[in-house]
C-alpha atoms as a PDB file:
ATOM      1  CA  MET A   1      90.678 121.890  81.073  1.00  0.00           C
ATOM      2  CA  GLU A   2      92.490 124.919  82.623  1.00  0.00           C
ATOM      3  CA  GLN A   3      90.042 124.900  85.558  1.00  0.00           C
ATOM      4  CA  ALA A   4      90.837 121.233  86.209  1.00  0.00           C
ATOM      5  CA  LEU A   5      94.618 121.768  86.120  1.00  0.00           C
ATOM      6  CA  THR A   6      94.388 124.848  88.305  1.00  0.00           C
ATOM      7  CA  GLY A   7      92.361 122.779  90.719  1.00  0.00           C
ATOM      8  CA  TRP A   8      95.202 120.282  90.965  1.00  0.00           C
ATOM      9  CA  LEU A   9      97.701 123.116  91.528  1.00  0.00           C
ATOM     10  CA  GLN A  10      95.464 124.563  94.244  1.00  0.00           C
ATOM     11  CA  LEU A  11      95.242 121.176  95.948  1.00  0.00           C
ATOM     12  CA  ALA A  12      99.050 120.907  95.903  1.00  0.00           C
ATOM     13  CA  ARG A  13      99.279 124.388  97.463  1.00  0.00           C
ATOM     14  CA  SER A  14      96.513 123.988 100.044  1.00  0.00           C
ATOM     15  CA  ARG A  15      97.009 120.370 101.068  1.00  0.00           C
ATOM     16  CA  PRO A  16     100.541 119.329 100.091  1.00  0.00           C
ATOM     17  CA  HIS A  17     100.490 116.151 102.237  1.00  0.00           C
ATOM     18  CA  LEU A  18      97.327 114.943 100.449  1.00  0.00           C
ATOM     19  CA  TYR A  19      98.823 115.899  97.091  1.00  0.00           C
ATOM     20  CA  VAL A  20     102.022 113.814  97.810  1.00  0.00           C
ATOM     21  CA  PHE A  21      99.810 110.974  99.065  1.00  0.00           C
ATOM     22  CA  MET A  22      98.057 110.889  95.639  1.00  0.00           C
ATOM     23  CA  PHE A  23     101.267 109.864  94.001  1.00  0.00           C
ATOM     24  CA  ALA A  24     102.355 107.337  96.619  1.00  0.00           C
ATOM     25  CA  PRO A  25     102.584 103.656  95.635  1.00  0.00           C
ATOM     26  CA  PRO A  26      99.146 102.004  95.620  1.00  0.00           C
ATOM     27  CA  SER A  27      97.957  99.779  98.505  1.00  0.00           C
ATOM     28  CA  PRO A  28      98.281  96.005  98.282  1.00  0.00           C
ATOM     29  CA  ASN A  29      94.726  95.752  97.077  1.00  0.00           C
ATOM     30  CA  PRO A  30      94.425  98.702  94.670  1.00  0.00           C
ATOM     31  CA  ASP A  31      91.282  97.770  92.695  1.00  0.00           C
ATOM     32  CA  ALA A  32      89.099 100.579  93.962  1.00  0.00           C
ATOM     33  CA  LEU A  33      91.945 103.047  93.598  1.00  0.00           C
ATOM     34  CA  ILE A  34      92.607 101.967  90.048  1.00  0.00           C
ATOM     35  CA  ALA A  35      88.936 102.160  89.135  1.00  0.00           C
ATOM     36  CA  ALA A  36      88.723 105.711  90.510  1.00  0.00           C
ATOM     37  CA  ALA A  37      91.922 106.750  88.755  1.00  0.00           C
ATOM     38  CA  ASN A  38      90.650 105.347  85.436  1.00  0.00           C
ATOM     39  CA  GLU A  39      87.393 107.243  85.759  1.00  0.00           C
ATOM     40  CA  ALA A  40      89.177 110.489  86.497  1.00  0.00           C
ATOM     41  CA  GLN A  41      91.575 109.878  83.557  1.00  0.00           C
ATOM     42  CA  ASP A  42      88.662 109.372  81.275  1.00  0.00           C
ATOM     43  CA  GLU A  43      87.072 112.606  82.334  1.00  0.00           C
ATOM     44  CA  PHE A  44      90.398 114.483  81.915  1.00  0.00           C
ATOM     45  CA  LEU A  45      91.035 112.966  78.473  1.00  0.00           C
ATOM     46  CA  ALA A  46      87.578 114.210  77.382  1.00  0.00           C
ATOM     47  CA  LEU A  47      88.444 117.626  78.607  1.00  0.00           C
ATOM     48  CA  VAL A  48      91.737 117.620  76.731  1.00  0.00           C
ATOM     49  CA  SER A  49      90.072 116.284  73.623  1.00  0.00           C
ATOM     50  CA  ASP A  50      87.393 118.973  73.764  1.00  0.00           C
ATOM     51  CA  SER A  51      89.886 121.819  74.519  1.00  0.00           C
ATOM     52  CA  THR A  52      92.671 121.010  72.003  1.00  0.00           C
ATOM     53  CA  GLN A  53      93.021 120.090  68.367  1.00  0.00           C
ATOM     54  CA  THR A  54      95.216 117.198  69.034  1.00  0.00           C
ATOM     55  CA  ASP A  55      95.053 113.711  67.455  1.00  0.00           C
ATOM     56  CA  ASP A  56      96.582 112.306  70.529  1.00  0.00           C
ATOM     57  CA  PRO A  57      94.786 113.498  73.676  1.00  0.00           C
ATOM     58  CA  LEU A  58      96.482 110.781  75.840  1.00  0.00           C
ATOM     59  CA  ARG A  59      99.962 112.253  75.253  1.00  0.00           C
ATOM     60  CA  VAL A  60      98.773 115.842  75.586  1.00  0.00           C
ATOM     61  CA  ALA A  61      97.009 114.969  78.791  1.00  0.00           C
ATOM     62  CA  ALA A  62     100.151 113.317  80.163  1.00  0.00           C
ATOM     63  CA  LEU A  63     102.235 116.431  79.222  1.00  0.00           C
ATOM     64  CA  LEU A  64      99.717 118.728  80.986  1.00  0.00           C
ATOM     65  CA  LEU A  65      99.586 116.699  84.116  1.00  0.00           C
ATOM     66  CA  ALA A  66     103.450 116.394  84.164  1.00  0.00           C
ATOM     67  CA  THR A  67     103.639 120.113  83.686  1.00  0.00           C
ATOM     68  CA  THR A  68     101.139 120.766  86.511  1.00  0.00           C
ATOM     69  CA  HIS A  69     102.944 118.348  88.780  1.00  0.00           C
ATOM     70  CA  GLY A  70     106.323 120.059  87.924  1.00  0.00           C
ATOM     71  CA  VAL A  71     104.826 123.528  88.723  1.00  0.00           C
ATOM     72  CA  ALA A  72     103.451 122.261  92.051  1.00  0.00           C
ATOM     73  CA  GLY A  73     106.858 120.720  93.001  1.00  0.00           C
ATOM     74  CA  LEU A  74     108.773 123.876  92.075  1.00  0.00           C
ATOM     75  CA  GLU A  75     106.358 126.002  94.051  1.00  0.00           C
ATOM     76  CA  GLN A  76     106.661 123.727  97.096  1.00  0.00           C
ATOM     77  CA  ALA A  77     110.501 123.845  96.861  1.00  0.00           C
ATOM     78  CA  GLY A  78     110.456 127.666  96.599  1.00  0.00           C
ATOM     79  CA  GLN A  79     112.074 127.456  93.156  1.00  0.00           C
ATOM     80  CA  LEU A  80     109.307 129.088  91.144  1.00  0.00           C
ATOM     81  CA  GLY A  81     108.458 132.809  91.340  1.00  0.00           C
ATOM     82  CA  THR A  82     108.498 136.048  89.579  1.00  0.00           C
ATOM     83  CA  THR A  83     112.008 136.936  90.825  1.00  0.00           C
ATOM     84  CA  LYS A  84     113.668 133.888  89.284  1.00  0.00           C
ATOM     85  CA  TRP A  85     111.480 133.170  86.293  1.00  0.00           C
ATOM     86  CA  GLY A  86     109.406 136.336  85.768  1.00  0.00           C
ATOM     87  CA  MET A  87     106.122 134.543  86.212  1.00  0.00           C
ATOM     88  CA  THR A  88     104.033 132.788  88.793  1.00  0.00           C
ATOM     89  CA  GLY A  89     103.102 129.115  88.802  1.00  0.00           C
ATOM     90  CA  ALA A  90      99.653 129.930  87.623  1.00  0.00           C
ATOM     91  CA  GLU A  91     101.060 132.046  84.738  1.00  0.00           C
ATOM     92  CA  LEU A  92     103.416 129.287  83.714  1.00  0.00           C
ATOM     93  CA  LEU A  93     100.552 126.802  83.776  1.00  0.00           C
ATOM     94  CA  GLY A  94      98.383 129.121  81.729  1.00  0.00           C
ATOM     95  CA  LEU A  95     101.255 129.538  79.170  1.00  0.00           C
ATOM     96  CA  ALA A  96     101.556 125.739  78.803  1.00  0.00           C
ATOM     97  CA  ILE A  97      97.796 125.336  78.375  1.00  0.00           C
ATOM     98  CA  GLY A  98      97.683 128.170  75.847  1.00  0.00           C
ATOM     99  CA  ARG A  99     100.439 126.655  73.815  1.00  0.00           C
ATOM    100  CA  LEU A 100      98.954 123.130  73.778  1.00  0.00           C
ATOM    101  CA  ALA A 101      95.325 124.221  73.238  1.00  0.00           C
ATOM    102  CA  SER A 102      96.099 126.248  70.134  1.00  0.00           C
END
């Protein structure tokens, strides 16, 4: 699970335009996009379910993705760093994962 979320964060850092495009409104004929997104969601839900002791992996997955997206956005805006918050984006993400996985 941590590896998957870190991968998202790396994508946001290395290819910010692609990352933003991933959250753009779908095309007029989004069937293939929806199918791919559903498949990716199922895989991520399985990771969350296997990595946590939650009874509600859908909500935990949503919280983790929102956290990762927030970290990426703060990094891109230059608002996240050790000077201001005392930790890097990767450390913040690790903290969130650790708290939710226990």
